[in-house]
Amino acid sequence: MAKLENSVAEVEEMMSALALLIDRQGGLLDNIEFNMVNTKYTAGGLGLLMMMLMMMMMMIVC
């Protein structure tokens, strides 16, 4: 009976550790997603700035 209790306690400990790892990884995934979205907006903004710069250069030349 003591062996069974020890096994159950070990399983409980492993499940708690697994839950903690999953929680931490969820935070990392949220961080990655946030950074990807920000990169998309930054790249879009850079494209607009480049286009405006080219338009300004064309106005100066003309």
PDB file of N, CA and C in Angstrom:
ATOM      1  N   MET A   1       0.814  -1.191   0.000  1.00  0.00           N
ATOM      2  CA  MET A   1       0.000   0.000   0.000  1.00  0.00           C
ATOM      3  C   MET A   1       0.863   1.263   0.000  1.00  0.00           C
ATOM      4  N   ALA A   2       1.965   1.236   0.755  1.00  0.00           N
ATOM      5  CA  ALA A   2       2.858   2.393   0.814  1.00  0.00           C
ATOM      6  C   ALA A   2       3.480   2.666  -0.553  1.00  0.00           C
ATOM      7  N   LYS A   3       3.768   1.590  -1.293  1.00  0.00           N
ATOM      8  CA  LYS A   3       4.355   1.746  -2.626  1.00  0.00           C
ATOM      9  C   LYS A   3       3.374   2.466  -3.554  1.00  0.00           C
ATOM     10  N   LEU A   4       2.103   2.125  -3.462  1.00  0.00           N
ATOM     11  CA  LEU A   4       1.069   2.765  -4.273  1.00  0.00           C
ATOM     12  C   LEU A   4       0.943   4.242  -3.917  1.00  0.00           C
ATOM     13  N   GLU A   5       0.970   4.539  -2.625  1.00  0.00           N
ATOM     14  CA  GLU A   5       0.892   5.931  -2.176  1.00  0.00           C
ATOM     15  C   GLU A   5       2.081   6.732  -2.696  1.00  0.00           C
ATOM     16  N   ASN A   6       3.269   6.140  -2.654  1.00  0.00           N
ATOM     17  CA  ASN A   6       4.460   6.814  -3.174  1.00  0.00           C
ATOM     18  C   ASN A   6       4.335   7.069  -4.673  1.00  0.00           C
ATOM     19  N   SER A   7       3.810   6.083  -5.385  1.00  0.00           N
ATOM     20  CA  SER A   7       3.642   6.236  -6.833  1.00  0.00           C
ATOM     21  C   SER A   7       2.649   7.348  -7.155  1.00  0.00           C
ATOM     22  N   VAL A   8       1.560   7.403  -6.417  1.00  0.00           N
ATOM     23  CA  VAL A   8       0.556   8.452  -6.620  1.00  0.00           C
ATOM     24  C   VAL A   8       1.166   9.818  -6.311  1.00  0.00           C
ATOM     25  N   ALA A   9       1.951   9.904  -5.253  1.00  0.00           N
ATOM     26  CA  ALA A   9       2.606  11.165  -4.891  1.00  0.00           C
ATOM     27  C   ALA A   9       3.585  11.592  -5.987  1.00  0.00           C
ATOM     28  N   GLU A  10       4.312  10.635  -6.561  1.00  0.00           N
ATOM     29  CA  GLU A  10       5.247  10.948  -7.647  1.00  0.00           C
ATOM     30  C   GLU A  10       4.503  11.461  -8.877  1.00  0.00           C
ATOM     31  N   VAL A  11       3.399  10.805  -9.205  1.00  0.00           N
ATOM     32  CA  VAL A  11       2.603  11.235 -10.360  1.00  0.00           C
ATOM     33  C   VAL A  11       2.066  12.645 -10.128  1.00  0.00           C
ATOM     34  N   GLU A  12       1.599  12.916  -8.923  1.00  0.00           N
ATOM     35  CA  GLU A  12       1.091  14.250  -8.595  1.00  0.00           C
ATOM     36  C   GLU A  12       2.191  15.301  -8.747  1.00  0.00           C
ATOM     37  N   GLU A  13       3.382  14.974  -8.280  1.00  0.00           N
ATOM     38  CA  GLU A  13       4.515  15.900  -8.391  1.00  0.00           C
ATOM     39  C   GLU A  13       4.876  16.148  -9.859  1.00  0.00           C
ATOM     40  N   MET A  14       4.874  15.080 -10.659  1.00  0.00           N
ATOM     41  CA  MET A  14       5.188  15.229 -12.087  1.00  0.00           C
ATOM     42  C   MET A  14       4.125  16.066 -12.796  1.00  0.00           C
ATOM     43  N   MET A  15       2.863  15.862 -12.442  1.00  0.00           N
ATOM     44  CA  MET A  15       1.783  16.630 -13.064  1.00  0.00           C
ATOM     45  C   MET A  15       1.886  18.112 -12.704  1.00  0.00           C
ATOM     46  N   SER A  16       2.251  18.400 -11.467  1.00  0.00           N
ATOM     47  CA  SER A  16       2.432  19.794 -11.046  1.00  0.00           C
ATOM     48  C   SER A  16       3.578  20.441 -11.815  1.00  0.00           C
ATOM     49  N   ALA A  17       4.675  19.716 -11.965  1.00  0.00           N
ATOM     50  CA  ALA A  17       5.824  20.234 -12.718  1.00  0.00           C
ATOM     51  C   ALA A  17       5.446  20.454 -14.179  1.00  0.00           C
ATOM     52  N   LEU A  18       4.689  19.529 -14.749  1.00  0.00           N
ATOM     53  CA  LEU A  18       4.248  19.653 -16.136  1.00  0.00           C
ATOM     54  C   LEU A  18       3.336  20.860 -16.310  1.00  0.00           C
ATOM     55  N   ALA A  19       2.423  21.067 -15.368  1.00  0.00           N
ATOM     56  CA  ALA A  19       1.523  22.221 -15.430  1.00  0.00           C
ATOM     57  C   ALA A  19       2.315  23.526 -15.388  1.00  0.00           C
ATOM     58  N   LEU A  20       3.345  23.576 -14.566  1.00  0.00           N
ATOM     59  CA  LEU A  20       4.185  24.772 -14.474  1.00  0.00           C
ATOM     60  C   LEU A  20       4.914  25.021 -15.793  1.00  0.00           C
ATOM     61  N   LEU A  21       5.462  23.977 -16.391  1.00  0.00           N
ATOM     62  CA  LEU A  21       6.151  24.117 -17.676  1.00  0.00           C
ATOM     63  C   LEU A  21       5.203  24.596 -18.769  1.00  0.00           C
ATOM     64  N   ILE A  22       4.014  24.031 -18.802  1.00  0.00           N
ATOM     65  CA  ILE A  22       3.028  24.429 -19.812  1.00  0.00           C
ATOM     66  C   ILE A  22       2.653  25.891 -19.630  1.00  0.00           C
ATOM     67  N   ASP A  23       2.470  26.315 -18.395  1.00  0.00           N
ATOM     68  CA  ASP A  23       2.128  27.711 -18.121  1.00  0.00           C
ATOM     69  C   ASP A  23       3.233  28.647 -18.597  1.00  0.00           C
ATOM     70  N   ARG A  24       4.471  28.309 -18.310  1.00  0.00           N
ATOM     71  CA  ARG A  24       5.604  29.146 -18.733  1.00  0.00           C
ATOM     72  C   ARG A  24       5.732  29.186 -20.249  1.00  0.00           C
ATOM     73  N   GLN A  25       5.546  28.048 -20.900  1.00  0.00           N
ATOM     74  CA  GLN A  25       5.649  28.008 -22.359  1.00  0.00           C
ATOM     75  C   GLN A  25       4.522  28.795 -23.003  1.00  0.00           C
ATOM     76  N   GLY A  26       3.352  28.798 -22.381  1.00  0.00           N
ATOM     77  CA  GLY A  26       2.245  29.592 -22.899  1.00  0.00           C
ATOM     78  C   GLY A  26       2.609  31.065 -22.927  1.00  0.00           C
ATOM     79  N   GLY A  27       3.282  31.525 -21.880  1.00  0.00           N
ATOM     80  CA  GLY A  27       3.741  32.914 -21.842  1.00  0.00           C
ATOM     81  C   GLY A  27       4.747  33.203 -22.939  1.00  0.00           C
ATOM     82  N   LEU A  28       5.641  32.261 -23.194  1.00  0.00           N
ATOM     83  CA  LEU A  28       6.626  32.436 -24.264  1.00  0.00           C
ATOM     84  C   LEU A  28       5.944  32.508 -25.625  1.00  0.00           C
ATOM     85  N   LEU A  29       4.950  31.657 -25.837  1.00  0.00           N
ATOM     86  CA  LEU A  29       4.223  31.680 -27.109  1.00  0.00           C
ATOM     87  C   LEU A  29       3.486  32.997 -27.295  1.00  0.00           C
ATOM     88  N   ASP A  30       2.908  33.523 -26.223  1.00  0.00           N
ATOM     89  CA  ASP A  30       2.240  34.822 -26.305  1.00  0.00           C
ATOM     90  C   ASP A  30       3.245  35.910 -26.678  1.00  0.00           C
ATOM     91  N   ASN A  31       4.443  35.834 -26.097  1.00  0.00           N
ATOM     92  CA  ASN A  31       5.504  36.797 -26.400  1.00  0.00           C
ATOM     93  C   ASN A  31       5.912  36.722 -27.866  1.00  0.00           C
ATOM     94  N   ILE A  32       6.081  35.516 -28.376  1.00  0.00           N
ATOM     95  CA  ILE A  32       6.471  35.323 -29.776  1.00  0.00           C
ATOM     96  C   ILE A  32       5.400  35.891 -30.693  1.00  0.00           C
ATOM     97  N   GLU A  33       4.137  35.600 -30.392  1.00  0.00           N
ATOM     98  CA  GLU A  33       3.039  36.107 -31.218  1.00  0.00           C
ATOM     99  C   GLU A  33       3.013  37.636 -31.198  1.00  0.00           C
ATOM    100  N   PHE A  34       3.182  38.233 -30.026  1.00  0.00           N
ATOM    101  CA  PHE A  34       3.200  39.692 -29.890  1.00  0.00           C
ATOM    102  C   PHE A  34       4.314  40.299 -30.735  1.00  0.00           C
ATOM    103  N   ASN A  35       5.507  39.707 -30.675  1.00  0.00           N
ATOM    104  CA  ASN A  35       6.638  40.218 -31.446  1.00  0.00           C
ATOM    105  C   ASN A  35       6.421  40.073 -32.945  1.00  0.00           C
ATOM    106  N   MET A  36       5.783  38.990 -33.364  1.00  0.00           N
ATOM    107  CA  MET A  36       5.511  38.797 -34.790  1.00  0.00           C
ATOM    108  C   MET A  36       4.536  39.855 -35.300  1.00  0.00           C
ATOM    109  N   VAL A  37       3.504  40.148 -34.527  1.00  0.00           N
ATOM    110  CA  VAL A  37       2.531  41.169 -34.925  1.00  0.00           C
ATOM    111  C   VAL A  37       3.214  42.528 -35.002  1.00  0.00           C
ATOM    112  N   ASN A  38       4.037  42.856 -34.008  1.00  0.00           N
ATOM    113  CA  ASN A  38       4.737  44.146 -34.025  1.00  0.00           C
ATOM    114  C   ASN A  38       5.688  44.248 -35.206  1.00  0.00           C
ATOM    115  N   THR A  39       6.347  43.160 -35.558  1.00  0.00           N
ATOM    116  CA  THR A  39       7.251  43.156 -36.705  1.00  0.00           C
ATOM    117  C   THR A  39       6.485  43.445 -37.983  1.00  0.00           C
ATOM    118  N   LYS A  40       5.302  42.872 -38.105  1.00  0.00           N
ATOM    119  CA  LYS A  40       4.461  43.096 -39.288  1.00  0.00           C
ATOM    120  C   LYS A  40       4.127  44.580 -39.417  1.00  0.00           C
ATOM    121  N   TYR A  41       3.714  45.211 -38.316  1.00  0.00           N
ATOM    122  CA  TYR A  41       3.372  46.628 -38.367  1.00  0.00           C
ATOM    123  C   TYR A  41       4.601  47.492 -38.621  1.00  0.00           C
ATOM    124  N   THR A  42       5.733  47.119 -38.032  1.00  0.00           N
ATOM    125  CA  THR A  42       6.963  47.881 -38.245  1.00  0.00           C
ATOM    126  C   THR A  42       7.397  47.805 -39.699  1.00  0.00           C
ATOM    127  N   ALA A  43       7.322  46.617 -40.292  1.00  0.00           N
ATOM    128  CA  ALA A  43       7.694  46.453 -41.698  1.00  0.00           C
ATOM    129  C   ALA A  43       6.750  47.248 -42.588  1.00  0.00           C
ATOM    130  N   GLY A  44       5.464  47.244 -42.264  1.00  0.00           N
ATOM    131  CA  GLY A  44       4.498  48.022 -43.042  1.00  0.00           C
ATOM    132  C   GLY A  44       4.785  49.511 -42.954  1.00  0.00           C
ATOM    133  N   GLY A  45       5.106  49.980 -41.761  1.00  0.00           N
ATOM    134  CA  GLY A  45       5.438  51.392 -41.568  1.00  0.00           C
ATOM    135  C   GLY A  45       6.707  51.770 -42.308  1.00  0.00           C
ATOM    136  N   LEU A  46       7.679  50.888 -42.316  1.00  0.00           N
ATOM    137  CA  LEU A  46       8.924  51.144 -43.041  1.00  0.00           C
ATOM    138  C   LEU A  46       8.649  51.270 -44.532  1.00  0.00           C
ATOM    139  N   GLY A  47       7.774  50.411 -45.047  1.00  0.00           N
ATOM    140  CA  GLY A  47       7.411  50.486 -46.462  1.00  0.00           C
ATOM    141  C   GLY A  47       6.777  51.825 -46.795  1.00  0.00           C
ATOM    142  N   LEU A  48       5.903  52.310 -45.938  1.00  0.00           N
ATOM    143  CA  LEU A  48       5.268  53.614 -46.168  1.00  0.00           C
ATOM    144  C   LEU A  48       6.294  54.741 -46.125  1.00  0.00           C
ATOM    145  N   LEU A  49       7.210  54.682 -45.176  1.00  0.00           N
ATOM    146  CA  LEU A  49       8.248  55.713 -45.093  1.00  0.00           C
ATOM    147  C   LEU A  49       9.135  55.719 -46.336  1.00  0.00           C
ATOM    148  N   MET A  50       9.483  54.544 -46.820  1.00  0.00           N
ATOM    149  CA  MET A  50      10.306  54.456 -48.030  1.00  0.00           C
ATOM    150  C   MET A  50       9.565  55.048 -49.224  1.00  0.00           C
ATOM    151  N   MET A  51       8.271  54.750 -49.332  1.00  0.00           N
ATOM    152  CA  MET A  51       7.480  55.274 -50.433  1.00  0.00           C
ATOM    153  C   MET A  51       7.401  56.801 -50.349  1.00  0.00           C
ATOM    154  N   MET A  52       7.201  57.338 -49.167  1.00  0.00           N
ATOM    155  CA  MET A  52       7.137  58.796 -49.007  1.00  0.00           C
ATOM    156  C   MET A  52       8.486  59.433 -49.319  1.00  0.00           C
ATOM    157  N   LEU A  53       9.568  58.801 -48.922  1.00  0.00           N
ATOM    158  CA  LEU A  53      10.899  59.316 -49.218  1.00  0.00           C
ATOM    159  C   LEU A  53      11.128  59.372 -50.721  1.00  0.00           C
ATOM    160  N   MET A  54      10.725  58.317 -51.419  1.00  0.00           N
ATOM    161  CA  MET A  54      10.879  58.304 -52.877  1.00  0.00           C
ATOM    162  C   MET A  54      10.040  59.402 -53.515  1.00  0.00           C
ATOM    163  N   MET A  55       8.832  59.620 -53.018  1.00  0.00           N
ATOM    164  CA  MET A  55       7.973  60.677 -53.561  1.00  0.00           C
ATOM    165  C   MET A  55       8.596  62.048 -53.327  1.00  0.00           C
ATOM    166  N   MET A  56       9.165  62.251 -52.141  1.00  0.00           N
ATOM    167  CA  MET A  56       9.805  63.532 -51.838  1.00  0.00           C
ATOM    168  C   MET A  56      11.022  63.748 -52.731  1.00  0.00           C
ATOM    169  N   MET A  57      11.785  62.698 -52.967  1.00  0.00           N
ATOM    170  CA  MET A  57      12.956  62.816 -53.833  1.00  0.00           C
ATOM    171  C   MET A  57      12.532  63.148 -55.257  1.00  0.00           C
ATOM    172  N   MET A  58      11.441  62.557 -55.713  1.00  0.00           N
ATOM    173  CA  MET A  58      10.945  62.850 -57.058  1.00  0.00           C
ATOM    174  C   MET A  58      10.483  64.296 -57.155  1.00  0.00           C
ATOM    175  N   MET A  59       9.889  64.831 -56.091  1.00  0.00           N
ATOM    176  CA  MET A  59       9.425  66.220 -56.092  1.00  0.00           C
ATOM    177  C   MET A  59      10.613  67.175 -56.140  1.00  0.00           C
ATOM    178  N   ILE A  60      11.698  66.817 -55.469  1.00  0.00           N
ATOM    179  CA  ILE A  60      12.891  67.672 -55.464  1.00  0.00           C
ATOM    180  C   ILE A  60      13.523  67.691 -56.848  1.00  0.00           C
ATOM    181  N   VAL A  61      13.573  66.549 -57.506  1.00  0.00           N
ATOM    182  CA  VAL A  61      14.194  66.442 -58.829  1.00  0.00           C
ATOM    183  C   VAL A  61      13.383  67.217 -59.862  1.00  0.00           C
ATOM    184  N   CYS A  62      12.067  67.164 -59.766  1.00  0.00           N
ATOM    185  CA  CYS A  62      11.209  67.830 -60.753  1.00  0.00           C
ATOM    186  C   CYS A  62      11.191  69.259 -60.513  1.00  0.00           C
TER     187      CYS A  62
END
